[in-house]
PDB file of N, CA and C in Angstrom:
ATOM      1  N   MET A   1      -2.402  20.828  -0.361  1.00  0.00           N
ATOM      2  CA  MET A   1      -3.132  19.284  -0.469  1.00  0.00           C
ATOM      3  C   MET A   1      -1.990  18.196  -0.556  1.00  0.00           C
ATOM      4  N   PRO A   2      -1.920  17.273   0.383  1.00  0.00           N
ATOM      5  CA  PRO A   2      -1.140  16.106   0.330  1.00  0.00           C
ATOM      6  C   PRO A   2      -1.651  15.068  -0.576  1.00  0.00           C
ATOM      7  N   TYR A   3      -0.726  14.498  -1.316  1.00  0.00           N
ATOM      8  CA  TYR A   3      -1.061  13.450  -2.257  1.00  0.00           C
ATOM      9  C   TYR A   3      -0.086  12.205  -1.837  1.00  0.00           C
ATOM     10  N   ILE A   4      -0.777  11.197  -1.532  1.00  0.00           N
ATOM     11  CA  ILE A   4       0.008   9.947  -0.907  1.00  0.00           C
ATOM     12  C   ILE A   4      -0.275   8.859  -1.904  1.00  0.00           C
ATOM     13  N   ASP A   5       0.870   8.060  -2.294  1.00  0.00           N
ATOM     14  CA  ASP A   5       0.520   6.798  -3.394  1.00  0.00           C
ATOM     15  C   ASP A   5       1.070   5.828  -2.555  1.00  0.00           C
ATOM     16  N   VAL A   6       0.139   4.958  -2.281  1.00  0.00           N
ATOM     17  CA  VAL A   6       0.450   3.711  -1.411  1.00  0.00           C
ATOM     18  C   VAL A   6       0.622   2.319  -2.500  1.00  0.00           C
ATOM     19  N   LYS A   7       1.688   2.023  -2.760  1.00  0.00           N
ATOM     20  CA  LYS A   7       2.035   0.855  -3.621  1.00  0.00           C
ATOM     21  C   LYS A   7       2.308  -0.341  -2.908  1.00  0.00           C
ATOM     22  N   VAL A   8       1.594  -1.290  -3.315  1.00  0.00           N
ATOM     23  CA  VAL A   8       1.727  -2.657  -2.627  1.00  0.00           C
ATOM     24  C   VAL A   8       1.887  -3.663  -3.750  1.00  0.00           C
ATOM     25  N   ALA A   9       2.690  -4.656  -3.415  1.00  0.00           N
ATOM     26  CA  ALA A   9       2.621  -6.012  -4.245  1.00  0.00           C
ATOM     27  C   ALA A   9       1.516  -6.804  -3.853  1.00  0.00           C
ATOM     28  N   GLY A  10       0.622  -7.346  -4.520  1.00  0.00           N
ATOM     29  CA  GLY A  10      -0.493  -8.188  -4.407  1.00  0.00           C
ATOM     30  C   GLY A  10      -1.655  -7.323  -4.194  1.00  0.00           C
ATOM     31  N   LYS A  11      -2.889  -7.738  -3.506  1.00  0.00           N
ATOM     32  CA  LYS A  11      -4.058  -7.085  -3.452  1.00  0.00           C
ATOM     33  C   LYS A  11      -4.684  -6.785  -1.973  1.00  0.00           C
ATOM     34  N   LEU A  12      -5.061  -5.611  -1.784  1.00  0.00           N
ATOM     35  CA  LEU A  12      -5.941  -5.042  -0.795  1.00  0.00           C
ATOM     36  C   LEU A  12      -7.106  -5.090  -0.763  1.00  0.00           C
ATOM     37  N   SER A  13      -7.978  -5.642   0.170  1.00  0.00           N
ATOM     38  CA  SER A  13      -9.467  -5.466   0.281  1.00  0.00           C
ATOM     39  C   SER A  13      -9.772  -4.086   0.461  1.00  0.00           C
ATOM     40  N   ILE A  14     -11.176  -3.915   0.091  1.00  0.00           N
ATOM     41  CA  ILE A  14     -11.640  -2.617   0.267  1.00  0.00           C
ATOM     42  C   ILE A  14     -11.624  -2.013   1.832  1.00  0.00           C
ATOM     43  N   GLU A  15     -11.813  -2.958   2.602  1.00  0.00           N
ATOM     44  CA  GLU A  15     -11.733  -2.783   4.200  1.00  0.00           C
ATOM     45  C   GLU A  15     -10.220  -2.348   4.277  1.00  0.00           C
ATOM     46  N   GLN A  16      -9.247  -2.990   3.895  1.00  0.00           N
ATOM     47  CA  GLN A  16      -7.867  -2.806   4.422  1.00  0.00           C
ATOM     48  C   GLN A  16      -7.558  -1.417   3.691  1.00  0.00           C
ATOM     49  N   LYS A  17      -8.179  -1.072   2.535  1.00  0.00           N
ATOM     50  CA  LYS A  17      -7.939   0.301   1.930  1.00  0.00           C
ATOM     51  C   LYS A  17      -8.539   1.327   2.681  1.00  0.00           C
ATOM     52  N   ARG A  18      -9.685   1.166   3.130  1.00  0.00           N
ATOM     53  CA  ARG A  18     -10.365   2.053   4.161  1.00  0.00           C
ATOM     54  C   ARG A  18      -9.642   2.319   5.372  1.00  0.00           C
ATOM     55  N   GLU A  19      -9.202   1.412   6.043  1.00  0.00           N
ATOM     56  CA  GLU A  19      -8.546   1.364   7.197  1.00  0.00           C
ATOM     57  C   GLU A  19      -6.970   2.203   7.035  1.00  0.00           C
ATOM     58  N   ILE A  20      -6.336   1.812   6.009  1.00  0.00           N
ATOM     59  CA  ILE A  20      -5.213   2.445   5.510  1.00  0.00           C
ATOM     60  C   ILE A  20      -5.340   3.936   5.469  1.00  0.00           C
ATOM     61  N   ALA A  21      -6.302   4.344   4.559  1.00  0.00           N
ATOM     62  CA  ALA A  21      -6.795   5.801   4.262  1.00  0.00           C
ATOM     63  C   ALA A  21      -6.980   6.545   5.628  1.00  0.00           C
ATOM     64  N   LYS A  22      -7.678   6.003   6.419  1.00  0.00           N
ATOM     65  CA  LYS A  22      -7.992   6.492   7.692  1.00  0.00           C
ATOM     66  C   LYS A  22      -6.746   6.812   8.479  1.00  0.00           C
ATOM     67  N   ASP A  23      -6.081   5.916   8.638  1.00  0.00           N
ATOM     68  CA  ASP A  23      -4.728   5.952   9.428  1.00  0.00           C
ATOM     69  C   ASP A  23      -3.741   7.072   8.918  1.00  0.00           C
ATOM     70  N   ILE A  24      -3.540   7.162   7.580  1.00  0.00           N
ATOM     71  CA  ILE A  24      -2.771   8.082   6.848  1.00  0.00           C
ATOM     72  C   ILE A  24      -3.531   9.455   7.171  1.00  0.00           C
ATOM     73  N   SER A  25      -4.622   9.591   6.708  1.00  0.00           N
ATOM     74  CA  SER A  25      -5.215  11.001   7.005  1.00  0.00           C
ATOM     75  C   SER A  25      -5.300  11.513   8.404  1.00  0.00           C
ATOM     76  N   GLU A  26      -5.369  10.763   9.269  1.00  0.00           N
ATOM     77  CA  GLU A  26      -5.402  10.982  10.694  1.00  0.00           C
ATOM     78  C   GLU A  26      -3.965  11.251  11.155  1.00  0.00           C
ATOM     79  N   SER A  27      -2.831  10.574  10.407  1.00  0.00           N
ATOM     80  CA  SER A  27      -1.616  10.952  10.926  1.00  0.00           C
ATOM     81  C   SER A  27      -1.202  12.175  10.404  1.00  0.00           C
ATOM     82  N   LEU A  28      -1.530  12.617   9.184  1.00  0.00           N
ATOM     83  CA  LEU A  28      -1.222  13.861   8.414  1.00  0.00           C
ATOM     84  C   LEU A  28      -1.851  15.098   9.241  1.00  0.00           C
ATOM     85  N   GLU A  29      -3.182  14.848   9.634  1.00  0.00           N
ATOM     86  CA  GLU A  29      -3.802  15.843  10.295  1.00  0.00           C
ATOM     87  C   GLU A  29      -2.996  16.028  11.708  1.00  0.00           C
ATOM     88  N   ARG A  30      -2.757  15.115  12.463  1.00  0.00           N
ATOM     89  CA  ARG A  30      -2.384  15.018  13.671  1.00  0.00           C
ATOM     90  C   ARG A  30      -0.687  15.888  13.749  1.00  0.00           C
ATOM     91  N   VAL A  31       0.271  15.065  12.941  1.00  0.00           N
ATOM     92  CA  VAL A  31       1.506  15.496  12.804  1.00  0.00           C
ATOM     93  C   VAL A  31       1.867  16.613  11.759  1.00  0.00           C
ATOM     94  N   ALA A  32       1.203  16.795  10.689  1.00  0.00           N
ATOM     95  CA  ALA A  32       1.403  18.039   9.738  1.00  0.00           C
ATOM     96  C   ALA A  32       0.350  18.994   9.788  1.00  0.00           C
ATOM     97  N   LYS A  33      -0.831  18.896  10.548  1.00  0.00           N
ATOM     98  CA  LYS A  33      -1.819  20.006  10.638  1.00  0.00           C
ATOM     99  C   LYS A  33      -2.360  20.129   9.293  1.00  0.00           C
ATOM    100  N   LYS A  34      -2.662  18.937   8.578  1.00  0.00           N
ATOM    101  CA  LYS A  34      -3.306  18.849   7.288  1.00  0.00           C
ATOM    102  C   LYS A  34      -4.746  18.482   7.666  1.00  0.00           C
ATOM    103  N   PRO A  35      -5.742  19.150   7.182  1.00  0.00           N
ATOM    104  CA  PRO A  35      -7.067  18.756   7.405  1.00  0.00           C
ATOM    105  C   PRO A  35      -7.411  17.383   6.614  1.00  0.00           C
ATOM    106  N   LYS A  36      -8.033  16.441   7.193  1.00  0.00           N
ATOM    107  CA  LYS A  36      -8.306  14.996   6.588  1.00  0.00           C
ATOM    108  C   LYS A  36      -8.870  15.309   5.234  1.00  0.00           C
ATOM    109  N   GLU A  37      -9.653  16.185   5.262  1.00  0.00           N
ATOM    110  CA  GLU A  37     -10.434  16.185   3.867  1.00  0.00           C
ATOM    111  C   GLU A  37      -9.600  16.906   2.739  1.00  0.00           C
ATOM    112  N   SER A  38      -8.179  17.261   2.939  1.00  0.00           N
ATOM    113  CA  SER A  38      -7.526  17.788   2.041  1.00  0.00           C
ATOM    114  C   SER A  38      -6.508  16.651   1.490  1.00  0.00           C
ATOM    115  N   VAL A  39      -6.658  15.588   2.212  1.00  0.00           N
ATOM    116  CA  VAL A  39      -5.657  14.463   1.662  1.00  0.00           C
ATOM    117  C   VAL A  39      -6.130  13.702   0.589  1.00  0.00           C
ATOM    118  N   TYR A  40      -5.394  13.219  -0.333  1.00  0.00           N
ATOM    119  CA  TYR A  40      -5.594  12.514  -1.496  1.00  0.00           C
ATOM    120  C   TYR A  40      -4.760  11.244  -1.366  1.00  0.00           C
ATOM    121  N   ILE A  41      -5.334   9.952  -1.546  1.00  0.00           N
ATOM    122  CA  ILE A  41      -4.595   8.787  -1.512  1.00  0.00           C
ATOM    123  C   ILE A  41      -4.800   7.991  -2.587  1.00  0.00           C
ATOM    124  N   SER A  42      -3.987   7.589  -3.184  1.00  0.00           N
ATOM    125  CA  SER A  42      -4.127   6.552  -4.306  1.00  0.00           C
ATOM    126  C   SER A  42      -3.527   5.073  -3.779  1.00  0.00           C
ATOM    127  N   PHE A  43      -4.004   4.134  -4.437  1.00  0.00           N
ATOM    128  CA  PHE A  43      -3.650   2.762  -4.118  1.00  0.00           C
ATOM    129  C   PHE A  43      -3.457   2.256  -5.502  1.00  0.00           C
ATOM    130  N   THR A  44      -1.957   1.795  -5.660  1.00  0.00           N
ATOM    131  CA  THR A  44      -1.621   1.016  -6.712  1.00  0.00           C
ATOM    132  C   THR A  44      -1.016  -0.389  -6.263  1.00  0.00           C
ATOM    133  N   GLU A  45      -1.784  -1.278  -6.773  1.00  0.00           N
ATOM    134  CA  GLU A  45      -1.552  -2.716  -6.653  1.00  0.00           C
ATOM    135  C   GLU A  45      -0.807  -3.339  -7.811  1.00  0.00           C
ATOM    136  N   PHE A  46       0.210  -4.013  -7.556  1.00  0.00           N
ATOM    137  CA  PHE A  46       1.008  -4.976  -8.599  1.00  0.00           C
ATOM    138  C   PHE A  46       0.981  -6.292  -8.456  1.00  0.00           C
ATOM    139  N   ASP A  47       0.595  -6.977  -9.437  1.00  0.00           N
ATOM    140  CA  ASP A  47       0.764  -8.522  -9.308  1.00  0.00           C
ATOM    141  C   ASP A  47       2.341  -8.577  -8.767  1.00  0.00           C
ATOM    142  N   ARG A  48       2.192  -9.738  -8.137  1.00  0.00           N
ATOM    143  CA  ARG A  48       3.408 -10.086  -7.388  1.00  0.00           C
ATOM    144  C   ARG A  48       4.485 -10.659  -8.471  1.00  0.00           C
ATOM    145  N   GLU A  49       4.089 -11.084  -9.567  1.00  0.00           N
ATOM    146  CA  GLU A  49       4.744 -11.418 -10.709  1.00  0.00           C
ATOM    147  C   GLU A  49       5.822 -10.239 -11.415  1.00  0.00           C
ATOM    148  N   ASN A  50       5.046  -9.059 -11.093  1.00  0.00           N
ATOM    149  CA  ASN A  50       5.768  -7.796 -11.611  1.00  0.00           C
ATOM    150  C   ASN A  50       6.395  -6.945 -10.759  1.00  0.00           C
ATOM    151  N   PHE A  51       6.909  -7.529  -9.697  1.00  0.00           N
ATOM    152  CA  PHE A  51       7.582  -6.720  -8.407  1.00  0.00           C
ATOM    153  C   PHE A  51       8.731  -7.736  -8.106  1.00  0.00           C
ATOM    154  N   ALA A  52       9.915  -7.303  -7.706  1.00  0.00           N
ATOM    155  CA  ALA A  52      10.978  -8.078  -7.441  1.00  0.00           C
ATOM    156  C   ALA A  52      11.564  -7.398  -6.253  1.00  0.00           C
ATOM    157  N   LYS A  53      12.128  -8.359  -5.465  1.00  0.00           N
ATOM    158  CA  LYS A  53      13.199  -7.979  -4.300  1.00  0.00           C
ATOM    159  C   LYS A  53      14.372  -8.484  -4.736  1.00  0.00           C
ATOM    160  N   GLY A  54      15.272  -7.410  -4.747  1.00  0.00           N
ATOM    161  CA  GLY A  54      16.650  -7.727  -5.507  1.00  0.00           C
ATOM    162  C   GLY A  54      16.345  -8.465  -6.714  1.00  0.00           C
ATOM    163  N   GLU A  55      16.805  -9.590  -6.906  1.00  0.00           N
ATOM    164  CA  GLU A  55      16.843 -10.216  -8.309  1.00  0.00           C
ATOM    165  C   GLU A  55      15.667 -11.387  -8.185  1.00  0.00           C
ATOM    166  N   ASN A  56      15.087 -11.361  -6.914  1.00  0.00           N
ATOM    167  CA  ASN A  56      13.866 -12.418  -6.869  1.00  0.00           C
ATOM    168  C   ASN A  56      12.699 -11.911  -7.249  1.00  0.00           C
ATOM    169  N   ILE A  57      11.808 -12.418  -8.346  1.00  0.00           N
ATOM    170  CA  ILE A  57      10.440 -12.041  -8.418  1.00  0.00           C
ATOM    171  C   ILE A  57       9.554 -12.524  -7.340  1.00  0.00           C
ATOM    172  N   LEU A  58       8.794 -11.727  -6.903  1.00  0.00           N
ATOM    173  CA  LEU A  58       8.018 -12.125  -5.622  1.00  0.00           C
ATOM    174  C   LEU A  58       6.977 -13.218  -5.738  1.00  0.00           C
ATOM    175  N   SER A  59       6.369 -13.533  -6.896  1.00  0.00           N
ATOM    176  CA  SER A  59       5.618 -14.671  -7.259  1.00  0.00           C
ATOM    177  C   SER A  59       6.523 -15.836  -7.063  1.00  0.00           C
ATOM    178  N   ASP A  60       7.729 -15.917  -7.515  1.00  0.00           N
ATOM    179  CA  ASP A  60       8.531 -17.161  -7.233  1.00  0.00           C
ATOM    180  C   ASP A  60       9.124 -17.371  -5.788  1.00  0.00           C
ATOM    181  N   LEU A  61       9.326 -16.268  -4.975  1.00  0.00           N
ATOM    182  CA  LEU A  61       9.603 -16.401  -3.627  1.00  0.00           C
ATOM    183  C   LEU A  61       8.293 -16.959  -2.859  1.00  0.00           C
ATOM    184  N   ASP A  62       7.143 -16.608  -3.376  1.00  0.00           N
ATOM    185  CA  ASP A  62       5.939 -17.140  -2.636  1.00  0.00           C
ATOM    186  C   ASP A  62       5.837 -18.566  -3.150  1.00  0.00           C
ATOM    187  N   LYS A  63       6.096 -19.014  -4.205  1.00  0.00           N
ATOM    188  CA  LYS A  63       6.029 -20.539  -4.516  1.00  0.00           C
ATOM    189  C   LYS A  63       7.210 -21.346  -3.597  1.00  0.00           C
ATOM    190  N   LEU A  64       8.273 -20.611  -3.520  1.00  0.00           N
ATOM    191  CA  LEU A  64       9.272 -21.230  -2.568  1.00  0.00           C
ATOM    192  C   LEU A  64       8.724 -21.415  -1.230  1.00  0.00           C
ATOM    193  N   GLN A  65       8.297 -20.339  -0.754  1.00  0.00           N
ATOM    194  CA  GLN A  65       7.585 -20.247   0.752  1.00  0.00           C
ATOM    195  C   GLN A  65       6.621 -21.359   0.898  1.00  0.00           C
ATOM    196  N   ASN A  66       5.712 -21.658   0.002  1.00  0.00           N
ATOM    197  CA  ASN A  66       4.647 -22.494  -0.007  1.00  0.00           C
ATOM    198  C   ASN A  66       5.112 -23.903  -0.057  1.00  0.00           C
ATOM    199  N   LYS A  67       6.298 -24.132  -0.486  1.00  0.00           N
ATOM    200  CA  LYS A  67       6.777 -25.815  -0.512  1.00  0.00           C
ATOM    201  C   LYS A  67       7.448 -25.868   0.832  1.00  0.00           C
ATOM    202  N   LYS A  68       7.480 -24.969   1.601  1.00  0.00           N
ATOM    203  CA  LYS A  68       8.236 -25.334   2.911  1.00  0.00           C
ATOM    204  C   LYS A  68       7.176 -25.931   3.910  1.00  0.00           C
TER     205      LYS A  68
END
């Protein structure tokens, strides 16, 4: 049984999670021949202030981009 952990900085809507889960499950079924019903997917959402790209906190980068 495949287990996939999708980690994102920020929030996903329930609709986005459904679409992502569908796409991942279909891909594993098509490519790896794993039945969709055997695929487990978890979503981990991080506040952007708790995630960095290099030395930059993502929430700080968001503020800089909003000033432009």
